[in-house]
Amino acid sequence: MESTVQRWSSAEAFLGVAREFLVAHEAEHCLMIGLAMTVVDHPEIYPDARMWTVHAAGRVVAAALRTPPHNLVLSRIADARHLAALTEDVLVSDDPPGAIGPVDATRAVAAAWTARTGRAALRTMQERIFRLDRVIAPRVAPGRWREAGEADRGLLAAWLAAFAVEANPVGMPQTDTAELADRYLRRLGRVMYLWEHDGEVVSLAGAGGATPRGIRIGPVYTPPDRRGHGYAGNLVAAVSAHQLATGRDFCFLFTDLANPISNRIYQAIGYVAVIDVDMYLFPAAPAA
């Protein structure tokens, strides 16, 4: 089946064409949809967003999105021929630092990038997307949850930086965590929640990247010396329940498959595995 690739610089136009394809598998595409909707609502956050759709037999069969300097995000792609067309166009028109998406899609894009550049692409993380429709109450941990406020700005910036060091692969673009904390406090497409025990903040969990029917939970971070008390599980359960109560049909989150503890905790409160995704880094050419 012959396919054609269309490039987009307008998130509104991209979603107008790709929405039906993306929301048919909303959990699998939660990152792409959330980013595209953020570009629509807050274009200043990602002023150079780039999007692609692949068309065959009059319908969209694949999609990709990138918000420089971040990785290429890939959709589900059922037919390798469509993936080849998309990969060729992306690698000609863009220079992504890496890719994230379903295992087969990212592996194929990484192989094509290696064939094109002669450099080895590096798989830096294996993740799993989970979806929750109903919260299973966890064993109660001491404390309570609340939304982060202005007085928490310094803590948010510091803990987001610590989370980035711990969770993000080497070679990922660095984020200005002070700016990111400000976005959470201003509720620019996301909001941050905290678990507090005896007047001390002991865990955080964000919510953002809204899709038509859901929202993505993360990041989730507890300092090492406060782990093992159930704070994160209780906070994620509370935040997820809150999102469902305010009109979401489901919540999503990404887990690192190398962390069996977090995978077990999230499944215990009702998150169900949907799809595995890989992240690849495309190393820059050595300096001359």
C-alpha atoms as a PDB file:
ATOM      1  CA  MET A   1       0.000   0.000   0.000  1.00  0.00           C
ATOM      2  CA  GLU A   2       1.560   3.291  -1.091  1.00  0.00           C
ATOM      3  CA  SER A   3       1.906   5.942   1.572  1.00  0.00           C
ATOM      4  CA  THR A   4       2.647   9.659   1.596  1.00  0.00           C
ATOM      5  CA  VAL A   5       4.069  11.852   4.343  1.00  0.00           C
ATOM      6  CA  GLN A   6       2.770  15.294   5.287  1.00  0.00           C
ATOM      7  CA  ARG A   7       4.761  17.741   7.441  1.00  0.00           C
ATOM      8  CA  TRP A   8       3.017  20.167   9.799  1.00  0.00           C
ATOM      9  CA  SER A   9       4.138  23.235  11.690  1.00  0.00           C
ATOM     10  CA  SER A  10       0.635  23.960  13.061  1.00  0.00           C
ATOM     11  CA  ALA A  11      -0.470  21.772  15.946  1.00  0.00           C
ATOM     12  CA  GLU A  12      -4.087  22.738  15.291  1.00  0.00           C
ATOM     13  CA  ALA A  13      -3.837  21.490  11.708  1.00  0.00           C
ATOM     14  CA  PHE A  14      -1.940  18.385  12.773  1.00  0.00           C
ATOM     15  CA  LEU A  15      -4.582  17.440  15.337  1.00  0.00           C
ATOM     16  CA  GLY A  16      -7.352  18.242  12.888  1.00  0.00           C
ATOM     17  CA  VAL A  17      -5.989  15.560  10.594  1.00  0.00           C
ATOM     18  CA  ALA A  18      -4.477  13.074  13.080  1.00  0.00           C
ATOM     19  CA  ARG A  19      -6.909  13.241  16.028  1.00  0.00           C
ATOM     20  CA  GLU A  20      -9.078  10.267  15.013  1.00  0.00           C
ATOM     21  CA  PHE A  21      -6.029   8.050  14.483  1.00  0.00           C
ATOM     22  CA  LEU A  22      -4.378   9.129  17.746  1.00  0.00           C
ATOM     23  CA  VAL A  23      -7.392   8.917  20.066  1.00  0.00           C
ATOM     24  CA  ALA A  24      -8.287   5.428  18.784  1.00  0.00           C
ATOM     25  CA  HIS A  25      -5.361   4.355  21.000  1.00  0.00           C
ATOM     26  CA  GLU A  26      -5.298   7.228  23.459  1.00  0.00           C
ATOM     27  CA  ALA A  27      -3.053   5.625  26.077  1.00  0.00           C
ATOM     28  CA  GLU A  28      -0.425   4.575  23.551  1.00  0.00           C
ATOM     29  CA  HIS A  29      -0.427   8.083  22.097  1.00  0.00           C
ATOM     30  CA  CYS A  30      -0.833  10.033  25.343  1.00  0.00           C
ATOM     31  CA  LEU A  31       2.593  11.696  25.097  1.00  0.00           C
ATOM     32  CA  MET A  32       2.102  12.827  21.503  1.00  0.00           C
ATOM     33  CA  ILE A  33      -1.452  14.052  22.045  1.00  0.00           C
ATOM     34  CA  GLY A  34      -0.507  15.843  25.248  1.00  0.00           C
ATOM     35  CA  LEU A  35       2.414  17.622  23.605  1.00  0.00           C
ATOM     36  CA  ALA A  36       0.339  18.636  20.598  1.00  0.00           C
ATOM     37  CA  MET A  37      -2.446  19.990  22.799  1.00  0.00           C
ATOM     38  CA  THR A  38       0.112  21.880  24.884  1.00  0.00           C
ATOM     39  CA  VAL A  39       1.445  23.495  21.698  1.00  0.00           C
ATOM     40  CA  VAL A  40      -2.105  24.540  20.816  1.00  0.00           C
ATOM     41  CA  ASP A  41      -2.830  26.030  24.252  1.00  0.00           C
ATOM     42  CA  HIS A  42       0.662  27.385  25.064  1.00  0.00           C
ATOM     43  CA  PRO A  43       2.655  27.785  21.829  1.00  0.00           C
ATOM     44  CA  GLU A  44       5.336  29.791  23.637  1.00  0.00           C
ATOM     45  CA  ILE A  45       6.494  26.640  25.459  1.00  0.00           C
ATOM     46  CA  TYR A  46       7.398  24.778  22.262  1.00  0.00           C
ATOM     47  CA  PRO A  47       7.744  27.476  19.581  1.00  0.00           C
ATOM     48  CA  ASP A  48       9.427  25.188  17.026  1.00  0.00           C
ATOM     49  CA  ALA A  49       7.179  22.113  17.199  1.00  0.00           C
ATOM     50  CA  ARG A  50       7.357  19.800  14.188  1.00  0.00           C
ATOM     51  CA  MET A  51       4.802  17.163  13.248  1.00  0.00           C
ATOM     52  CA  TRP A  52       4.320  14.507  10.596  1.00  0.00           C
ATOM     53  CA  THR A  53       1.432  12.308   9.430  1.00  0.00           C
ATOM     54  CA  VAL A  54       1.559   9.321   7.101  1.00  0.00           C
ATOM     55  CA  HIS A  55      -1.415   8.726   4.822  1.00  0.00           C
ATOM     56  CA  ALA A  56      -2.490   5.595   2.933  1.00  0.00           C
ATOM     57  CA  ALA A  57      -5.786   4.741   1.259  1.00  0.00           C
ATOM     58  CA  GLY A  58      -7.205   8.098   2.325  1.00  0.00           C
ATOM     59  CA  ARG A  59      -6.534   7.762   6.048  1.00  0.00           C
ATOM     60  CA  VAL A  60      -3.824   8.515   8.611  1.00  0.00           C
ATOM     61  CA  VAL A  61      -1.796   5.402   9.437  1.00  0.00           C
ATOM     62  CA  ALA A  62       1.096   6.857  11.468  1.00  0.00           C
ATOM     63  CA  ALA A  63       2.273  10.079  13.075  1.00  0.00           C
ATOM     64  CA  ALA A  64       5.325  11.638  14.677  1.00  0.00           C
ATOM     65  CA  LEU A  65       6.052  14.811  16.632  1.00  0.00           C
ATOM     66  CA  ARG A  66       9.089  16.636  17.937  1.00  0.00           C
ATOM     67  CA  THR A  67       9.429  19.644  20.235  1.00  0.00           C
ATOM     68  CA  PRO A  68      13.089  20.666  19.852  1.00  0.00           C
ATOM     69  CA  PRO A  69      15.450  20.082  21.547  1.00  0.00           C
ATOM     70  CA  HIS A  70      13.639  16.917  22.630  1.00  0.00           C
ATOM     71  CA  ASN A  71      13.367  13.481  21.064  1.00  0.00           C
ATOM     72  CA  LEU A  72      11.177  12.406  18.198  1.00  0.00           C
ATOM     73  CA  VAL A  73       7.920  10.867  19.490  1.00  0.00           C
ATOM     74  CA  LEU A  74       6.517   8.016  17.377  1.00  0.00           C
ATOM     75  CA  SER A  75       2.997   6.633  17.136  1.00  0.00           C
ATOM     76  CA  ARG A  76       1.896   3.051  16.747  1.00  0.00           C
ATOM     77  CA  ILE A  77       2.745   1.931  13.229  1.00  0.00           C
ATOM     78  CA  ALA A  78       1.191  -1.310  11.994  1.00  0.00           C
ATOM     79  CA  ASP A  79       2.852  -1.540   8.581  1.00  0.00           C
ATOM     80  CA  ALA A  80       6.628  -1.310   8.162  1.00  0.00           C
ATOM     81  CA  ARG A  81       6.189   0.318   4.765  1.00  0.00           C
ATOM     82  CA  HIS A  82       4.528   3.317   6.376  1.00  0.00           C
ATOM     83  CA  LEU A  83       7.320   3.484   8.940  1.00  0.00           C
ATOM     84  CA  ALA A  84       9.955   3.520   6.187  1.00  0.00           C
ATOM     85  CA  ALA A  85       8.282   6.476   4.485  1.00  0.00           C
ATOM     86  CA  LEU A  86       8.004   8.391   7.753  1.00  0.00           C
ATOM     87  CA  THR A  87      11.584   7.641   8.785  1.00  0.00           C
ATOM     88  CA  GLU A  88      13.007   8.768   5.468  1.00  0.00           C
ATOM     89  CA  ASP A  89      11.121  12.067   5.597  1.00  0.00           C
ATOM     90  CA  VAL A  90      11.987  12.767   9.239  1.00  0.00           C
ATOM     91  CA  LEU A  91      15.689  12.052   8.819  1.00  0.00           C
ATOM     92  CA  VAL A  92      15.831  14.224   5.689  1.00  0.00           C
ATOM     93  CA  SER A  93      13.916  17.170   7.142  1.00  0.00           C
ATOM     94  CA  ASP A  94      15.027  17.052  10.770  1.00  0.00           C
ATOM     95  CA  ASP A  95      17.937  16.014  12.984  1.00  0.00           C
ATOM     96  CA  PRO A  96      16.397  14.456  16.098  1.00  0.00           C
ATOM     97  CA  PRO A  97      18.702  13.704  19.052  1.00  0.00           C
ATOM     98  CA  GLY A  98      16.829  10.473  19.652  1.00  0.00           C
ATOM     99  CA  ALA A  99      13.443   8.797  19.516  1.00  0.00           C
ATOM    100  CA  ILE A 100      10.805   7.409  21.870  1.00  0.00           C
ATOM    101  CA  GLY A 101       7.880   5.221  20.962  1.00  0.00           C
ATOM    102  CA  PRO A 102       6.651   1.632  20.562  1.00  0.00           C
ATOM    103  CA  VAL A 103       9.486  -0.882  20.604  1.00  0.00           C
ATOM    104  CA  ASP A 104       9.300  -1.969  16.953  1.00  0.00           C
ATOM    105  CA  ALA A 105       8.957   1.599  15.652  1.00  0.00           C
ATOM    106  CA  THR A 106      11.876   3.024  17.607  1.00  0.00           C
ATOM    107  CA  ARG A 107      14.093   0.071  16.781  1.00  0.00           C
ATOM    108  CA  ALA A 108      13.438   0.569  13.061  1.00  0.00           C
ATOM    109  CA  VAL A 109      14.031   4.330  13.204  1.00  0.00           C
ATOM    110  CA  ALA A 110      17.251   3.786  15.166  1.00  0.00           C
ATOM    111  CA  ALA A 111      18.446   1.270  12.576  1.00  0.00           C
ATOM    112  CA  ALA A 112      17.652   3.666   9.745  1.00  0.00           C
ATOM    113  CA  TRP A 113      19.505   6.476  11.523  1.00  0.00           C
ATOM    114  CA  THR A 114      22.533   4.230  12.019  1.00  0.00           C
ATOM    115  CA  ALA A 115      22.498   3.195   8.351  1.00  0.00           C
ATOM    116  CA  ARG A 116      22.312   6.840   7.344  1.00  0.00           C
ATOM    117  CA  THR A 117      25.024   8.197   9.660  1.00  0.00           C
ATOM    118  CA  GLY A 118      27.277   5.231  10.310  1.00  0.00           C
ATOM    119  CA  ARG A 119      26.975   5.867  14.063  1.00  0.00           C
ATOM    120  CA  ALA A 120      25.430   3.461  16.538  1.00  0.00           C
ATOM    121  CA  ALA A 121      22.120   4.494  18.084  1.00  0.00           C
ATOM    122  CA  LEU A 122      21.952   3.717  21.809  1.00  0.00           C
ATOM    123  CA  ARG A 123      18.889   2.339  23.552  1.00  0.00           C
ATOM    124  CA  THR A 124      18.916   4.314  26.784  1.00  0.00           C
ATOM    125  CA  MET A 125      15.643   3.312  28.446  1.00  0.00           C
ATOM    126  CA  GLN A 126      12.904   0.698  28.297  1.00  0.00           C
ATOM    127  CA  GLU A 127       9.560   1.952  29.571  1.00  0.00           C
ATOM    128  CA  ARG A 128       5.962   0.840  29.848  1.00  0.00           C
ATOM    129  CA  ILE A 129       2.799   2.928  29.517  1.00  0.00           C
ATOM    130  CA  PHE A 130       0.066   2.167  32.044  1.00  0.00           C
ATOM    131  CA  ARG A 131      -3.581   3.262  32.137  1.00  0.00           C
ATOM    132  CA  LEU A 132      -5.875   3.568  35.140  1.00  0.00           C
ATOM    133  CA  ASP A 133      -9.686   3.681  35.026  1.00  0.00           C
ATOM    134  CA  ARG A 134     -10.400   3.098  38.710  1.00  0.00           C
ATOM    135  CA  VAL A 135      -8.224   3.620  41.756  1.00  0.00           C
ATOM    136  CA  ILE A 136      -7.589   0.755  44.160  1.00  0.00           C
ATOM    137  CA  ALA A 137      -6.953   2.335  47.546  1.00  0.00           C
ATOM    138  CA  PRO A 138      -3.434   1.604  48.822  1.00  0.00           C
ATOM    139  CA  ARG A 139      -2.414   0.918  52.397  1.00  0.00           C
ATOM    140  CA  VAL A 140      -2.776   4.310  54.049  1.00  0.00           C
ATOM    141  CA  ALA A 141       0.461   6.232  54.594  1.00  0.00           C
ATOM    142  CA  PRO A 142       0.735   8.977  57.205  1.00  0.00           C
ATOM    143  CA  GLY A 143       0.157  12.490  55.897  1.00  0.00           C
ATOM    144  CA  ARG A 144      -2.017  14.227  53.343  1.00  0.00           C
ATOM    145  CA  TRP A 145      -1.805  15.568  49.809  1.00  0.00           C
ATOM    146  CA  ARG A 146      -2.153  19.119  48.559  1.00  0.00           C
ATOM    147  CA  GLU A 147      -1.461  21.189  45.478  1.00  0.00           C
ATOM    148  CA  ALA A 148       1.955  22.885  45.310  1.00  0.00           C
ATOM    149  CA  GLY A 149       2.021  26.624  45.859  1.00  0.00           C
ATOM    150  CA  GLU A 150       4.378  29.544  45.492  1.00  0.00           C
ATOM    151  CA  ALA A 151       6.114  28.778  48.783  1.00  0.00           C
ATOM    152  CA  ASP A 152       7.187  25.428  47.296  1.00  0.00           C
ATOM    153  CA  ARG A 153       9.037  26.951  44.332  1.00  0.00           C
ATOM    154  CA  GLY A 154      12.550  26.219  45.588  1.00  0.00           C
ATOM    155  CA  LEU A 155      11.688  22.663  46.605  1.00  0.00           C
ATOM    156  CA  LEU A 156      10.074  21.974  43.227  1.00  0.00           C
ATOM    157  CA  ALA A 157      13.103  23.211  41.300  1.00  0.00           C
ATOM    158  CA  ALA A 158      15.501  21.180  43.450  1.00  0.00           C
ATOM    159  CA  TRP A 159      13.461  17.985  43.362  1.00  0.00           C
ATOM    160  CA  LEU A 160      12.771  18.241  39.625  1.00  0.00           C
ATOM    161  CA  ALA A 161      16.527  18.544  39.120  1.00  0.00           C
ATOM    162  CA  ALA A 162      17.123  15.504  41.337  1.00  0.00           C
ATOM    163  CA  PHE A 163      14.473  13.556  39.442  1.00  0.00           C
ATOM    164  CA  ALA A 164      16.093  14.450  36.119  1.00  0.00           C
ATOM    165  CA  VAL A 165      19.489  13.222  37.308  1.00  0.00           C
ATOM    166  CA  GLU A 166      18.023   9.976  38.586  1.00  0.00           C
ATOM    167  CA  ALA A 167      15.479   9.170  35.876  1.00  0.00           C
ATOM    168  CA  ASN A 168      16.701  10.652  32.607  1.00  0.00           C
ATOM    169  CA  PRO A 169      19.298   8.838  30.501  1.00  0.00           C
ATOM    170  CA  VAL A 170      22.705  10.391  29.924  1.00  0.00           C
ATOM    171  CA  GLY A 171      22.606  12.531  26.800  1.00  0.00           C
ATOM    172  CA  MET A 172      19.017  13.757  27.245  1.00  0.00           C
ATOM    173  CA  PRO A 173      18.565  17.512  26.680  1.00  0.00           C
ATOM    174  CA  GLN A 174      18.802  19.361  29.970  1.00  0.00           C
ATOM    175  CA  THR A 175      15.724  21.168  31.258  1.00  0.00           C
ATOM    176  CA  ASP A 176      15.760  24.435  33.180  1.00  0.00           C
ATOM    177  CA  THR A 177      14.107  23.096  36.321  1.00  0.00           C
ATOM    178  CA  ALA A 178      13.446  26.568  37.739  1.00  0.00           C
ATOM    179  CA  GLU A 179      11.496  27.389  34.582  1.00  0.00           C
ATOM    180  CA  LEU A 180       9.740  24.031  34.764  1.00  0.00           C
ATOM    181  CA  ALA A 181       8.761  24.650  38.382  1.00  0.00           C
ATOM    182  CA  ASP A 182       7.316  27.991  37.325  1.00  0.00           C
ATOM    183  CA  ARG A 183       5.221  26.289  34.645  1.00  0.00           C
ATOM    184  CA  TYR A 184       3.760  23.961  37.273  1.00  0.00           C
ATOM    185  CA  LEU A 185       2.992  26.844  39.614  1.00  0.00           C
ATOM    186  CA  ARG A 186       1.375  28.839  36.800  1.00  0.00           C
ATOM    187  CA  ARG A 187      -0.567  25.723  35.734  1.00  0.00           C
ATOM    188  CA  LEU A 188       0.652  26.017  32.147  1.00  0.00           C
ATOM    189  CA  GLY A 189      -0.706  22.696  30.947  1.00  0.00           C
ATOM    190  CA  ARG A 190       0.336  20.935  34.152  1.00  0.00           C
ATOM    191  CA  VAL A 191      -0.024  21.020  37.920  1.00  0.00           C
ATOM    192  CA  MET A 192       2.083  19.646  40.780  1.00  0.00           C
ATOM    193  CA  TYR A 193       0.884  17.911  43.934  1.00  0.00           C
ATOM    194  CA  LEU A 194       2.767  17.174  47.151  1.00  0.00           C
ATOM    195  CA  TRP A 195       2.464  14.662  49.994  1.00  0.00           C
ATOM    196  CA  GLU A 196       3.087  16.218  53.376  1.00  0.00           C
ATOM    197  CA  HIS A 197       3.775  14.434  56.657  1.00  0.00           C
ATOM    198  CA  ASP A 198       4.233  16.246  59.970  1.00  0.00           C
ATOM    199  CA  GLY A 199       4.608  19.555  58.117  1.00  0.00           C
ATOM    200  CA  GLU A 200       7.347  18.203  55.830  1.00  0.00           C
ATOM    201  CA  VAL A 201       6.956  17.604  52.087  1.00  0.00           C
ATOM    202  CA  VAL A 202       8.046  14.010  51.408  1.00  0.00           C
ATOM    203  CA  SER A 203       6.931  13.281  47.831  1.00  0.00           C
ATOM    204  CA  LEU A 204       5.717  14.985  44.657  1.00  0.00           C
ATOM    205  CA  ALA A 205       3.645  13.955  41.647  1.00  0.00           C
ATOM    206  CA  GLY A 206       2.713  16.032  38.624  1.00  0.00           C
ATOM    207  CA  ALA A 207      -0.237  15.828  36.260  1.00  0.00           C
ATOM    208  CA  GLY A 208      -0.237  17.248  32.741  1.00  0.00           C
ATOM    209  CA  GLY A 209      -0.243  16.507  29.051  1.00  0.00           C
ATOM    210  CA  ALA A 210      -4.034  16.277  28.914  1.00  0.00           C
ATOM    211  CA  THR A 211      -5.635  14.223  26.157  1.00  0.00           C
ATOM    212  CA  PRO A 212      -9.318  14.398  25.132  1.00  0.00           C
ATOM    213  CA  ARG A 213     -10.331  11.917  27.840  1.00  0.00           C
ATOM    214  CA  GLY A 214      -7.290  11.489  30.062  1.00  0.00           C
ATOM    215  CA  ILE A 215      -4.190  13.002  31.607  1.00  0.00           C
ATOM    216  CA  ARG A 216      -0.630  11.839  32.221  1.00  0.00           C
ATOM    217  CA  ILE A 217       0.676  11.481  35.778  1.00  0.00           C
ATOM    218  CA  GLY A 218       4.343  12.313  36.361  1.00  0.00           C
ATOM    219  CA  PRO A 219       6.983  13.025  37.296  1.00  0.00           C
ATOM    220  CA  VAL A 220       6.818  11.160  40.593  1.00  0.00           C
ATOM    221  CA  TYR A 221       9.684  11.691  43.022  1.00  0.00           C
ATOM    222  CA  THR A 222      10.453  10.904  46.643  1.00  0.00           C
ATOM    223  CA  PRO A 223      13.892  11.720  48.106  1.00  0.00           C
ATOM    224  CA  PRO A 224      15.898   8.548  48.825  1.00  0.00           C
ATOM    225  CA  ASP A 225      15.760   9.015  52.598  1.00  0.00           C
ATOM    226  CA  ARG A 226      11.948   9.227  52.546  1.00  0.00           C
ATOM    227  CA  ARG A 227      11.268   6.131  50.414  1.00  0.00           C
ATOM    228  CA  GLY A 228       9.646   2.947  51.611  1.00  0.00           C
ATOM    229  CA  HIS A 229       6.828   4.572  53.580  1.00  0.00           C
ATOM    230  CA  GLY A 230       4.102   4.502  50.931  1.00  0.00           C
ATOM    231  CA  TYR A 231       4.142   8.251  50.290  1.00  0.00           C
ATOM    232  CA  ALA A 232       4.452   8.057  46.498  1.00  0.00           C
ATOM    233  CA  GLY A 233       1.840   5.321  46.134  1.00  0.00           C
ATOM    234  CA  ASN A 234      -0.643   7.241  48.253  1.00  0.00           C
ATOM    235  CA  LEU A 235       0.067  10.480  46.417  1.00  0.00           C
ATOM    236  CA  VAL A 236      -0.309   8.955  42.947  1.00  0.00           C
ATOM    237  CA  ALA A 237      -3.512   7.236  44.053  1.00  0.00           C
ATOM    238  CA  ALA A 238      -4.889  10.515  45.432  1.00  0.00           C
ATOM    239  CA  VAL A 239      -3.895  12.536  42.359  1.00  0.00           C
ATOM    240  CA  SER A 240      -5.325   9.887  40.024  1.00  0.00           C
ATOM    241  CA  ALA A 241      -8.597   9.739  41.959  1.00  0.00           C
ATOM    242  CA  HIS A 242      -8.781  13.528  41.903  1.00  0.00           C
ATOM    243  CA  GLN A 243      -8.312  13.608  38.125  1.00  0.00           C
ATOM    244  CA  LEU A 244     -11.038  11.000  37.628  1.00  0.00           C
ATOM    245  CA  ALA A 245     -13.359  12.900  39.968  1.00  0.00           C
ATOM    246  CA  THR A 246     -12.882  16.101  37.988  1.00  0.00           C
ATOM    247  CA  GLY A 247     -13.967  14.518  34.709  1.00  0.00           C
ATOM    248  CA  ARG A 248     -11.117  12.413  33.300  1.00  0.00           C
ATOM    249  CA  ASP A 249     -12.029   8.951  32.086  1.00  0.00           C
ATOM    250  CA  PHE A 250      -8.554   7.600  32.761  1.00  0.00           C
ATOM    251  CA  CYS A 251      -5.000   8.489  33.772  1.00  0.00           C
ATOM    252  CA  PHE A 252      -1.728   7.393  32.189  1.00  0.00           C
ATOM    253  CA  LEU A 253       1.818   7.081  33.412  1.00  0.00           C
ATOM    254  CA  PHE A 254       5.196   5.906  32.164  1.00  0.00           C
ATOM    255  CA  THR A 255       7.393   3.590  34.204  1.00  0.00           C
ATOM    256  CA  ASP A 256      11.024   2.589  33.830  1.00  0.00           C
ATOM    257  CA  LEU A 257      11.120  -1.195  33.446  1.00  0.00           C
ATOM    258  CA  ALA A 258      14.430  -1.193  35.307  1.00  0.00           C
ATOM    259  CA  ASN A 259      12.562  -0.083  38.456  1.00  0.00           C
ATOM    260  CA  PRO A 260      10.411  -3.039  39.585  1.00  0.00           C
ATOM    261  CA  ILE A 261       9.323  -1.277  42.773  1.00  0.00           C
ATOM    262  CA  SER A 262       7.514   1.581  41.019  1.00  0.00           C
ATOM    263  CA  ASN A 263       5.963  -0.827  38.513  1.00  0.00           C
ATOM    264  CA  ARG A 264       4.583  -2.927  41.371  1.00  0.00           C
ATOM    265  CA  ILE A 265       3.311   0.097  43.306  1.00  0.00           C
ATOM    266  CA  TYR A 266       1.384   1.541  40.370  1.00  0.00           C
ATOM    267  CA  GLN A 267      -0.198  -1.783  39.449  1.00  0.00           C
ATOM    268  CA  ALA A 268      -1.315  -2.216  43.046  1.00  0.00           C
ATOM    269  CA  ILE A 269      -3.368   0.993  42.876  1.00  0.00           C
ATOM    270  CA  GLY A 270      -5.043   0.089  39.577  1.00  0.00           C
ATOM    271  CA  TYR A 271      -2.702   0.934  36.715  1.00  0.00           C
ATOM    272  CA  VAL A 272      -2.786  -1.642  33.903  1.00  0.00           C
ATOM    273  CA  ALA A 273       0.003  -2.145  31.374  1.00  0.00           C
ATOM    274  CA  VAL A 274      -0.801  -0.992  27.825  1.00  0.00           C
ATOM    275  CA  ILE A 275       2.356  -0.967  25.694  1.00  0.00           C
ATOM    276  CA  ASP A 276       6.132  -1.039  25.999  1.00  0.00           C
ATOM    277  CA  VAL A 277       8.143   1.858  24.622  1.00  0.00           C
ATOM    278  CA  ASP A 278      11.855   2.331  24.078  1.00  0.00           C
ATOM    279  CA  MET A 279      13.998   5.442  24.086  1.00  0.00           C
ATOM    280  CA  TYR A 280      17.046   5.762  21.828  1.00  0.00           C
ATOM    281  CA  LEU A 281      19.813   8.340  21.777  1.00  0.00           C
ATOM    282  CA  PHE A 282      21.349   9.367  18.444  1.00  0.00           C
ATOM    283  CA  PRO A 283      24.866  10.491  19.416  1.00  0.00           C
ATOM    284  CA  ALA A 284      26.337  13.560  17.756  1.00  0.00           C
ATOM    285  CA  ALA A 285      29.252  13.121  15.370  1.00  0.00           C
ATOM    286  CA  PRO A 286      32.670  13.292  17.060  1.00  0.00           C
ATOM    287  CA  ALA A 287      34.306  16.698  16.935  1.00  0.00           C
ATOM    288  CA  ALA A 288      36.807  17.051  14.097  1.00  0.00           C
END
